[in-house]
Amino acid sequence: MQVSGAFVGMIIGRGGENVKSMSRESGAKIEVSRDDGDRDADRNVTITGTAESIEKAMKLIEDVIGNRAGGLDDRSDAESLPEPPPGFEASQHEEWLFNAKTQEFFNKTTGALAWLNASTGLFCPIREGVRHGDLQLISGTAVGIANSEAKDAPKTVVIPDLHRVAQALKAPFDHVDMPASMIAVFASPADGVPGVPVDQAARTFHEKLVRRIASWRSAWLDQAWFGALTGAMMDVAGERGVLPVVAAALLIGRKVVATSAPGARVCLMAGAASDACTAVAPMEMDGFVCCFQQLPPQSPDVADTADTLCIPVALLAGLSPLSTLDDGVTCTAVSRHLDRQGAWPNVAHSRLQAVAAQCGAVAPWALGESWCELRSLFQNRPRAAAVALLRAARQAPPK
């Protein structure tokens, strides 16, 4: 788990007394990562042990954080209290003011901003999202039906800015890094399966996802993003209990997280050069396939190009059997069409359809893909960024 640097001292205690005490009481091993010179930065807290001991240790840590965020400090009565921002009013919690518009609490004594975790009753620190102005999402989609007997065509959805969706839903989203984007592809369930219709899944999935992300306003662990994606898929399933056929990817700041439900496939590729495209090793979690990639931090000493950092993602759905296009086949088929000059979804789609037919795809079938690249535009090099975008626009195939 991650905790704000403001709470690390209380968790560790003098000479490590607190963390040792919590380890003894819970039976779990608790380790706090070293700071990298920034004492206010979030710190990783690693907890190992049995499921029961880990749960108990997390509860103890949350209690410490809650008490610290809501507790009184040692200020003298003569010292002035912090001035609350506009919009905060008295709440049922004596030490806290509440802003109904932003759903935030303000501690009258410490000046800390927090949100109330309804499941635990604890006040948790609000994380401030980071804007990565050097990154740009470049995406495209393609859908095709192999023959007239195929079922409904797959649907593709691209949301370049999830913050705008959250704003329309009046959901808090300031804790999420920028850019925050989503791409997804949805296909019809197999014959005879009472699953979610493809149109309904494509229409509701991004709203379910945004509401899940908005529900936790503190720091997110990497694996928690997988939980948001898979949880949104289960939310779409609802009372039917049958997961939609969907593959989706989140681009949050410098993180790329992709997940596919049974019947769909996700292929996260590292290296966008023509002959250097390889699939990132996937993980299987409760029937879902998950992939993760972390972009390195922006460097001021990079070469004068705007596409040094580039991660292509292919999301596939609607193919039978899906194993026809495994990760190796997908990379080989489309790498030359997802090179460093721009994503060519139409050309890549045609190539995948041809390869699928050669590999024995069972008719009738349809294939839908979403492609995206998260590219560095290097905020301090606007000329290079402009040249790269013009180059991509000129070389993209006509529609």
Protein backbone atom coordinates (compact mmCIF):
# COMPACT_ATOMS: atom_id res chain seq x y z
CA MET A 1 0.00 0.00 0.00
CA GLN A 2 1.06 3.63 -0.45
CA VAL A 3 0.82 6.30 2.23
CA SER A 4 1.41 10.01 2.19
CA GLY A 5 4.80 11.18 3.43
CA ALA A 6 2.98 13.22 6.07
CA PHE A 7 1.96 10.03 7.87
CA VAL A 8 5.19 8.00 7.56
CA GLY A 9 6.69 9.31 10.80
CA MET A 10 3.64 8.25 12.79
CA ILE A 11 3.68 4.78 11.21
CA ILE A 12 7.37 4.17 11.89
CA GLY A 13 7.53 5.83 15.30
CA ARG A 14 10.61 6.77 17.31
CA GLY A 15 13.35 4.28 16.52
CA GLY A 16 10.84 2.15 14.58
CA GLU A 17 8.84 1.47 17.74
CA ASN A 18 5.39 1.82 16.14
CA VAL A 19 6.04 -0.34 13.08
CA LYS A 20 7.60 -3.05 15.25
CA SER A 21 4.62 -2.98 17.59
CA MET A 22 2.17 -3.30 14.68
CA SER A 23 4.20 -6.20 13.27
CA ARG A 24 4.08 -8.04 16.59
CA GLU A 25 0.37 -7.42 17.07
CA SER A 26 -0.64 -8.44 13.54
CA GLY A 27 1.92 -11.19 12.95
CA ALA A 28 2.80 -9.67 9.56
CA LYS A 29 6.08 -8.19 8.39
CA ILE A 30 5.76 -4.43 7.71
CA GLU A 31 8.43 -2.56 5.74
CA VAL A 32 8.39 1.13 4.79
CA SER A 33 10.40 2.16 1.71
CA ARG A 34 13.18 4.73 2.04
CA ASP A 35 12.51 8.28 0.90
CA ASP A 36 14.22 9.49 -2.28
CA GLY A 37 14.99 12.92 -0.88
CA ASP A 38 11.43 14.20 -1.02
CA ARG A 39 9.96 13.74 2.46
CA ASP A 40 6.48 14.77 1.27
CA ALA A 41 6.32 12.14 -1.48
CA ASP A 42 4.17 9.01 -1.13
CA ARG A 43 5.98 6.00 0.36
CA ASN A 44 5.41 2.30 -0.28
CA VAL A 45 4.48 0.14 2.73
CA THR A 46 5.03 -3.56 2.01
CA ILE A 47 3.12 -6.07 4.14
CA THR A 48 3.84 -9.81 3.97
CA GLY A 49 2.27 -12.68 5.87
CA THR A 50 -0.95 -14.63 5.94
CA ALA A 51 -4.13 -13.08 4.56
CA GLU A 52 -5.43 -12.62 8.11
CA SER A 53 -2.23 -10.99 9.37
CA ILE A 54 -2.01 -8.69 6.34
CA GLU A 55 -5.60 -7.54 6.83
CA LYS A 56 -4.96 -6.85 10.50
CA ALA A 57 -1.75 -4.93 9.74
CA MET A 58 -3.53 -2.77 7.17
CA LYS A 59 -6.27 -2.00 9.71
CA LEU A 60 -3.66 -0.95 12.28
CA ILE A 61 -1.94 1.32 9.76
CA GLU A 62 -5.26 2.84 8.70
CA ASP A 63 -6.05 3.50 12.36
CA VAL A 64 -2.74 5.37 12.76
CA ILE A 65 -3.41 7.42 9.62
CA GLY A 66 -6.97 8.19 10.68
CA ASN A 67 -5.92 9.27 14.14
CA ARG A 68 -3.11 11.41 12.75
CA ALA A 69 -5.32 13.07 10.14
CA GLY A 70 -8.12 13.76 12.59
CA GLY A 71 -6.19 14.22 15.81
CA LEU A 72 -5.18 17.35 17.62
CA ASP A 73 -1.62 18.58 17.35
CA ASP A 74 0.43 20.23 20.04
CA ARG A 75 -0.25 23.82 19.09
CA SER A 76 -0.70 26.27 21.90
CA ASP A 77 -4.00 28.04 22.32
CA ALA A 78 -2.34 31.29 21.31
CA GLU A 79 -1.42 29.96 17.90
CA SER A 80 -3.94 30.79 15.20
CA LEU A 81 -5.84 27.98 13.50
CA PRO A 82 -5.63 27.50 9.72
CA GLU A 83 -8.07 29.40 7.56
CA PRO A 84 -10.46 27.02 5.74
CA PRO A 85 -10.87 27.42 1.96
CA PRO A 86 -14.19 28.81 0.69
CA GLY A 87 -17.16 26.44 0.63
CA PHE A 88 -16.47 24.52 3.85
CA GLU A 89 -19.12 24.37 6.55
CA ALA A 90 -19.59 22.64 9.90
CA SER A 91 -20.20 18.89 9.73
CA GLN A 92 -21.34 16.16 12.10
CA HIS A 93 -17.64 15.43 12.74
CA GLU A 94 -16.52 17.96 15.36
CA GLU A 95 -12.96 18.46 14.15
CA TRP A 96 -13.84 18.62 10.46
CA LEU A 97 -15.48 21.09 8.11
CA PHE A 98 -17.18 19.72 4.99
CA ASN A 99 -17.49 20.95 1.40
CA ALA A 100 -20.57 19.33 -0.13
CA LYS A 101 -19.59 20.34 -3.68
CA THR A 102 -16.14 18.74 -3.64
CA GLN A 103 -16.96 16.05 -1.03
CA GLU A 104 -13.85 17.07 0.93
CA PHE A 105 -13.23 17.52 4.65
CA PHE A 106 -11.00 20.19 6.20
CA ASN A 107 -9.42 19.59 9.59
CA LYS A 108 -9.93 22.72 11.70
CA THR A 109 -6.77 22.14 13.71
CA THR A 110 -4.22 20.79 11.21
CA GLY A 111 -5.57 22.26 7.96
CA ALA A 112 -5.41 18.83 6.33
CA LEU A 113 -7.77 17.96 3.47
CA ALA A 114 -9.24 14.47 3.55
CA TRP A 115 -12.07 12.30 2.27
CA LEU A 116 -14.16 9.96 4.38
CA ASN A 117 -13.82 6.25 3.64
CA ALA A 118 -17.36 5.04 4.25
CA SER A 119 -16.32 1.39 4.56
CA THR A 120 -13.84 2.06 7.39
CA GLY A 121 -15.09 5.35 8.82
CA LEU A 122 -11.56 6.77 8.55
CA PHE A 123 -10.46 10.09 7.11
CA CYS A 124 -7.90 9.49 4.35
CA PRO A 125 -5.52 12.02 2.74
CA ILE A 126 -6.48 13.30 -0.70
CA ARG A 127 -3.83 12.76 -3.32
CA GLU A 128 -3.15 15.54 -5.82
CA GLY A 129 -2.88 14.20 -9.36
CA VAL A 130 0.22 14.97 -11.43
CA ARG A 131 -0.03 16.41 -14.92
CA HIS A 132 2.45 14.83 -17.36
CA GLY A 133 2.40 17.51 -20.04
CA ASP A 134 5.00 15.74 -22.19
CA LEU A 135 2.68 12.81 -23.06
CA GLN A 136 0.10 12.53 -25.80
CA LEU A 137 -2.36 9.75 -26.61
CA ILE A 138 -2.52 8.72 -30.27
CA SER A 139 -5.27 6.17 -30.91
CA GLY A 140 -7.37 4.55 -33.59
CA THR A 141 -9.91 1.77 -33.99
CA ALA A 142 -10.94 -0.71 -36.66
CA VAL A 143 -13.82 -3.16 -37.00
CA GLY A 144 -14.51 -5.71 -39.72
CA ILE A 145 -16.83 -8.66 -40.33
CA ALA A 146 -15.38 -11.66 -42.11
CA ASN A 147 -18.63 -12.68 -43.82
CA SER A 148 -22.35 -11.96 -43.87
CA GLU A 149 -23.16 -14.72 -41.36
CA ALA A 150 -21.23 -13.06 -38.56
CA LYS A 151 -23.03 -11.73 -35.52
CA ASP A 152 -23.16 -8.09 -34.50
CA ALA A 153 -19.93 -6.26 -35.21
CA PRO A 154 -17.70 -5.45 -32.23
CA LYS A 155 -17.81 -1.94 -30.79
CA THR A 156 -14.78 0.21 -30.03
CA VAL A 157 -14.65 3.06 -27.52
CA VAL A 158 -11.88 5.65 -27.12
CA ILE A 159 -12.06 8.18 -24.26
CA PRO A 160 -9.11 10.60 -24.65
CA ASP A 161 -9.86 12.48 -21.40
CA LEU A 162 -11.49 10.66 -18.47
CA HIS A 163 -11.36 13.87 -16.43
CA ARG A 164 -14.02 15.36 -18.69
CA VAL A 165 -16.21 12.28 -18.23
CA ALA A 166 -15.79 12.58 -14.45
CA GLN A 167 -16.70 16.26 -14.62
CA ALA A 168 -19.92 15.42 -16.49
CA LEU A 169 -20.73 12.77 -13.87
CA LYS A 170 -19.84 15.21 -11.06
CA ALA A 171 -17.37 12.65 -9.74
CA PRO A 172 -14.14 13.72 -7.94
CA PHE A 173 -11.13 13.07 -10.15
CA ASP A 174 -8.42 15.55 -9.13
CA HIS A 175 -6.43 12.71 -7.54
CA VAL A 176 -5.89 11.04 -10.94
CA ASP A 177 -2.79 11.83 -13.01
CA MET A 178 -3.05 13.36 -16.48
CA PRO A 179 -3.30 12.28 -19.19
CA ALA A 180 -6.04 9.84 -18.16
CA SER A 181 -7.44 7.94 -21.14
CA MET A 182 -9.28 4.71 -21.87
CA ILE A 183 -9.62 2.54 -24.95
CA ALA A 184 -11.76 -0.58 -25.18
CA VAL A 185 -13.25 -3.06 -27.63
CA PHE A 186 -16.46 -5.02 -26.99
CA ALA A 187 -17.82 -8.10 -28.76
CA SER A 188 -21.05 -10.08 -28.65
CA PRO A 189 -21.24 -13.07 -26.30
CA ALA A 190 -21.05 -16.56 -27.76
CA ASP A 191 -24.17 -18.11 -29.26
CA GLY A 192 -26.62 -19.20 -26.60
CA VAL A 193 -24.91 -17.26 -23.79
CA PRO A 194 -27.24 -14.73 -22.09
CA GLY A 195 -24.50 -12.13 -21.75
CA VAL A 196 -24.54 -8.35 -21.86
CA PRO A 197 -25.42 -7.02 -25.34
CA VAL A 198 -22.42 -5.43 -27.00
CA ASP A 199 -24.14 -2.03 -27.38
CA GLN A 200 -25.04 -1.87 -23.69
CA ALA A 201 -21.55 -2.87 -22.55
CA ALA A 202 -19.90 -0.30 -24.82
CA ARG A 203 -22.29 2.41 -23.61
CA THR A 204 -21.94 1.86 -19.85
CA PHE A 205 -18.44 0.51 -19.19
CA HIS A 206 -16.55 3.82 -19.06
CA GLU A 207 -19.08 5.31 -16.61
CA LYS A 208 -18.70 2.31 -14.27
CA LEU A 209 -14.92 2.66 -14.53
CA VAL A 210 -14.86 6.38 -13.76
CA ARG A 211 -17.10 5.95 -10.71
CA ARG A 212 -14.81 3.21 -9.36
CA ILE A 213 -11.72 5.37 -9.80
CA ALA A 214 -13.48 8.34 -8.20
CA SER A 215 -14.40 6.28 -5.13
CA TRP A 216 -10.76 6.11 -3.86
CA ARG A 217 -9.09 9.52 -3.67
CA SER A 218 -5.80 8.54 -2.03
CA ALA A 219 -2.73 7.01 -3.71
CA TRP A 220 -3.30 3.94 -5.89
CA LEU A 221 -1.17 0.82 -5.99
CA ASP A 222 -0.40 -0.51 -9.46
CA GLN A 223 -2.51 -3.64 -8.92
CA ALA A 224 -5.46 -1.49 -7.83
CA TRP A 225 -5.83 -0.22 -11.41
CA PHE A 226 -6.42 -3.82 -12.50
CA GLY A 227 -9.10 -4.02 -9.83
CA ALA A 228 -10.77 -0.91 -11.24
CA LEU A 229 -10.88 -2.38 -14.76
CA THR A 230 -12.05 -5.84 -13.74
CA GLY A 231 -14.50 -4.38 -11.22
CA ALA A 232 -16.06 -2.20 -13.91
CA MET A 233 -16.43 -5.30 -16.10
CA MET A 234 -18.25 -7.07 -13.28
CA ASP A 235 -20.40 -3.98 -12.69
CA VAL A 236 -21.51 -4.15 -16.33
CA ALA A 237 -22.33 -7.84 -15.88
CA GLY A 238 -24.65 -6.90 -13.03
CA GLU A 239 -27.39 -9.37 -12.18
CA ARG A 240 -26.75 -11.39 -15.33
CA GLY A 241 -23.54 -12.66 -13.77
CA VAL A 242 -21.95 -13.13 -17.20
CA LEU A 243 -18.96 -10.92 -17.96
CA PRO A 244 -19.05 -8.84 -21.13
CA VAL A 245 -16.60 -9.79 -23.89
CA VAL A 246 -14.27 -6.82 -23.49
CA ALA A 247 -10.62 -5.83 -23.55
CA ALA A 248 -9.72 -2.40 -22.14
CA ALA A 249 -6.64 -0.33 -21.43
CA LEU A 250 -6.08 2.60 -19.07
CA LEU A 251 -3.41 5.22 -19.63
CA ILE A 252 -2.90 7.05 -16.33
CA GLY A 253 0.02 9.43 -16.31
CA ARG A 254 3.04 7.27 -17.09
CA LYS A 255 1.26 3.96 -16.43
CA VAL A 256 -0.33 1.71 -19.04
CA VAL A 257 -2.69 -0.92 -17.60
CA ALA A 258 -4.60 -3.34 -19.83
CA THR A 259 -7.06 -6.13 -18.99
CA SER A 260 -9.20 -8.56 -20.98
CA ALA A 261 -12.16 -10.68 -19.89
CA PRO A 262 -12.66 -14.24 -21.18
CA GLY A 263 -13.36 -14.16 -24.91
CA ALA A 264 -11.18 -11.10 -25.57
CA ARG A 265 -7.44 -10.53 -25.76
CA VAL A 266 -5.08 -7.76 -24.80
CA CYS A 267 -1.60 -7.40 -26.25
CA LEU A 268 0.64 -4.73 -24.72
CA MET A 269 3.75 -4.23 -26.83
CA ALA A 270 7.15 -2.85 -25.90
CA GLY A 271 9.25 -1.32 -28.65
CA ALA A 272 7.37 0.21 -31.56
CA ALA A 273 10.11 -0.10 -34.16
CA SER A 274 9.32 -2.31 -37.13
CA ASP A 275 11.42 -5.30 -36.09
CA ALA A 276 11.64 -4.67 -32.33
CA CYS A 277 8.03 -5.08 -31.23
CA THR A 278 7.63 -7.68 -28.46
CA ALA A 279 4.67 -8.51 -26.23
CA VAL A 280 4.80 -7.64 -22.53
CA ALA A 281 4.38 -10.82 -20.46
CA PRO A 282 0.74 -11.03 -19.30
CA MET A 283 -0.55 -12.10 -15.88
CA GLU A 284 -3.70 -14.12 -15.21
CA MET A 285 -5.87 -13.05 -12.27
CA ASP A 286 -9.21 -14.75 -11.56
CA GLY A 287 -9.81 -15.50 -15.23
CA PHE A 288 -8.75 -12.04 -16.43
CA VAL A 289 -5.55 -11.40 -18.39
CA CYS A 290 -3.65 -8.30 -17.25
CA CYS A 291 -0.62 -6.40 -18.58
CA PHE A 292 1.26 -3.44 -17.12
CA GLN A 293 3.93 -1.07 -18.38
CA GLN A 294 5.55 1.89 -16.64
CA LEU A 295 7.04 4.67 -18.76
CA PRO A 296 10.32 6.13 -17.47
CA PRO A 297 10.27 9.68 -16.11
CA GLN A 298 10.73 12.55 -18.52
CA SER A 299 14.38 13.34 -19.13
CA PRO A 300 15.62 16.77 -20.23
CA ASP A 301 18.54 15.13 -22.06
CA VAL A 302 16.56 13.04 -24.58
CA ALA A 303 17.23 13.12 -28.28
CA ASP A 304 15.44 15.74 -30.40
CA THR A 305 12.55 13.46 -31.40
CA ALA A 306 9.00 13.24 -30.15
CA ASP A 307 8.55 9.48 -30.31
CA THR A 308 11.35 8.15 -28.11
CA LEU A 309 8.81 6.76 -25.65
CA CYS A 310 6.05 4.79 -27.33
CA ILE A 311 3.95 1.86 -26.11
CA PRO A 312 1.40 0.36 -28.53
CA VAL A 313 -1.58 -1.57 -27.18
CA ALA A 314 -3.75 -3.93 -29.24
CA LEU A 315 -7.17 -4.94 -27.88
CA LEU A 316 -8.91 -7.76 -29.76
CA ALA A 317 -12.41 -9.20 -29.47
CA GLY A 318 -14.92 -11.07 -31.59
CA LEU A 319 -12.65 -13.80 -32.99
CA SER A 320 -13.26 -17.55 -32.78
CA PRO A 321 -11.15 -19.24 -31.65
CA LEU A 322 -9.38 -16.35 -29.89
CA SER A 323 -6.17 -18.39 -29.67
CA THR A 324 -5.87 -17.93 -33.45
CA LEU A 325 -4.11 -14.64 -32.73
CA ASP A 326 -1.79 -15.11 -29.77
CA ASP A 327 0.57 -12.35 -28.64
CA GLY A 328 3.45 -13.51 -30.83
CA VAL A 329 1.30 -13.67 -33.96
CA THR A 330 -0.25 -10.28 -33.18
CA CYS A 331 3.13 -8.57 -32.74
CA THR A 332 4.55 -10.14 -35.90
CA ALA A 333 1.48 -9.23 -37.94
CA VAL A 334 1.13 -5.59 -36.95
CA SER A 335 4.51 -4.32 -35.72
CA ARG A 336 5.49 -2.81 -39.06
CA HIS A 337 2.15 -0.98 -39.15
CA LEU A 338 2.53 0.42 -35.63
CA ASP A 339 5.95 1.95 -36.16
CA ARG A 340 7.31 5.15 -34.70
CA GLN A 341 5.66 7.34 -37.31
CA GLY A 342 2.06 6.71 -36.25
CA ALA A 343 -0.62 4.10 -35.59
CA TRP A 344 -2.26 2.71 -38.75
CA PRO A 345 -5.32 0.86 -37.44
CA ASN A 346 -6.89 0.17 -40.85
CA VAL A 347 -3.74 -1.39 -42.29
CA ALA A 348 -3.04 -3.36 -39.10
CA HIS A 349 -6.65 -4.54 -39.02
CA SER A 350 -6.48 -5.85 -42.59
CA ARG A 351 -3.27 -7.67 -41.80
CA LEU A 352 -4.76 -9.28 -38.69
CA GLN A 353 -7.84 -10.42 -40.59
CA ALA A 354 -5.66 -12.04 -43.24
CA VAL A 355 -3.48 -13.77 -40.64
CA ALA A 356 -6.54 -14.95 -38.69
CA ALA A 357 -7.99 -16.53 -41.83
CA GLN A 358 -4.67 -18.23 -42.60
CA CYS A 359 -4.48 -19.57 -39.04
CA GLY A 360 -7.91 -21.21 -39.20
CA ALA A 361 -10.39 -18.78 -37.68
CA VAL A 362 -13.83 -20.38 -37.57
CA ALA A 363 -16.56 -18.65 -39.60
CA PRO A 364 -18.68 -16.73 -38.98
CA TRP A 365 -16.52 -14.27 -37.09
CA ALA A 366 -15.90 -10.56 -36.68
CA LEU A 367 -12.80 -8.80 -35.41
CA GLY A 368 -12.59 -5.48 -33.63
CA GLU A 369 -9.46 -3.76 -32.38
CA SER A 370 -8.51 -0.62 -30.56
CA TRP A 371 -4.98 0.68 -30.92
CA CYS A 372 -3.26 3.34 -28.91
CA GLU A 373 0.20 4.76 -28.41
CA LEU A 374 1.30 6.85 -25.47
CA ARG A 375 4.01 9.10 -26.83
CA SER A 376 6.39 11.57 -25.33
CA LEU A 377 5.97 15.04 -26.82
CA PHE A 378 8.65 16.54 -24.56
CA GLN A 379 7.18 19.68 -23.11
CA ASN A 380 10.49 21.51 -23.41
CA ARG A 381 10.81 20.70 -27.13
CA PRO A 382 7.67 22.06 -28.82
CA ARG A 383 9.29 22.20 -32.28
CA ALA A 384 10.15 18.50 -32.21
CA ALA A 385 6.66 17.65 -31.01
CA ALA A 386 5.01 19.66 -33.79
CA VAL A 387 7.22 18.12 -36.47
CA ALA A 388 6.43 14.59 -35.22
CA LEU A 389 2.67 15.20 -35.18
CA LEU A 390 2.72 16.65 -38.71
CA ARG A 391 4.74 13.65 -39.89
CA ALA A 392 2.22 11.25 -38.36
CA ALA A 393 -0.71 13.09 -39.93
CA ARG A 394 0.85 13.05 -43.41
CA GLN A 395 1.71 9.35 -43.28
CA ALA A 396 -1.61 8.13 -41.89
CA PRO A 397 -3.66 6.27 -44.51
CA PRO A 398 -6.66 8.11 -45.94
CA LYS A 399 -10.09 7.22 -44.51
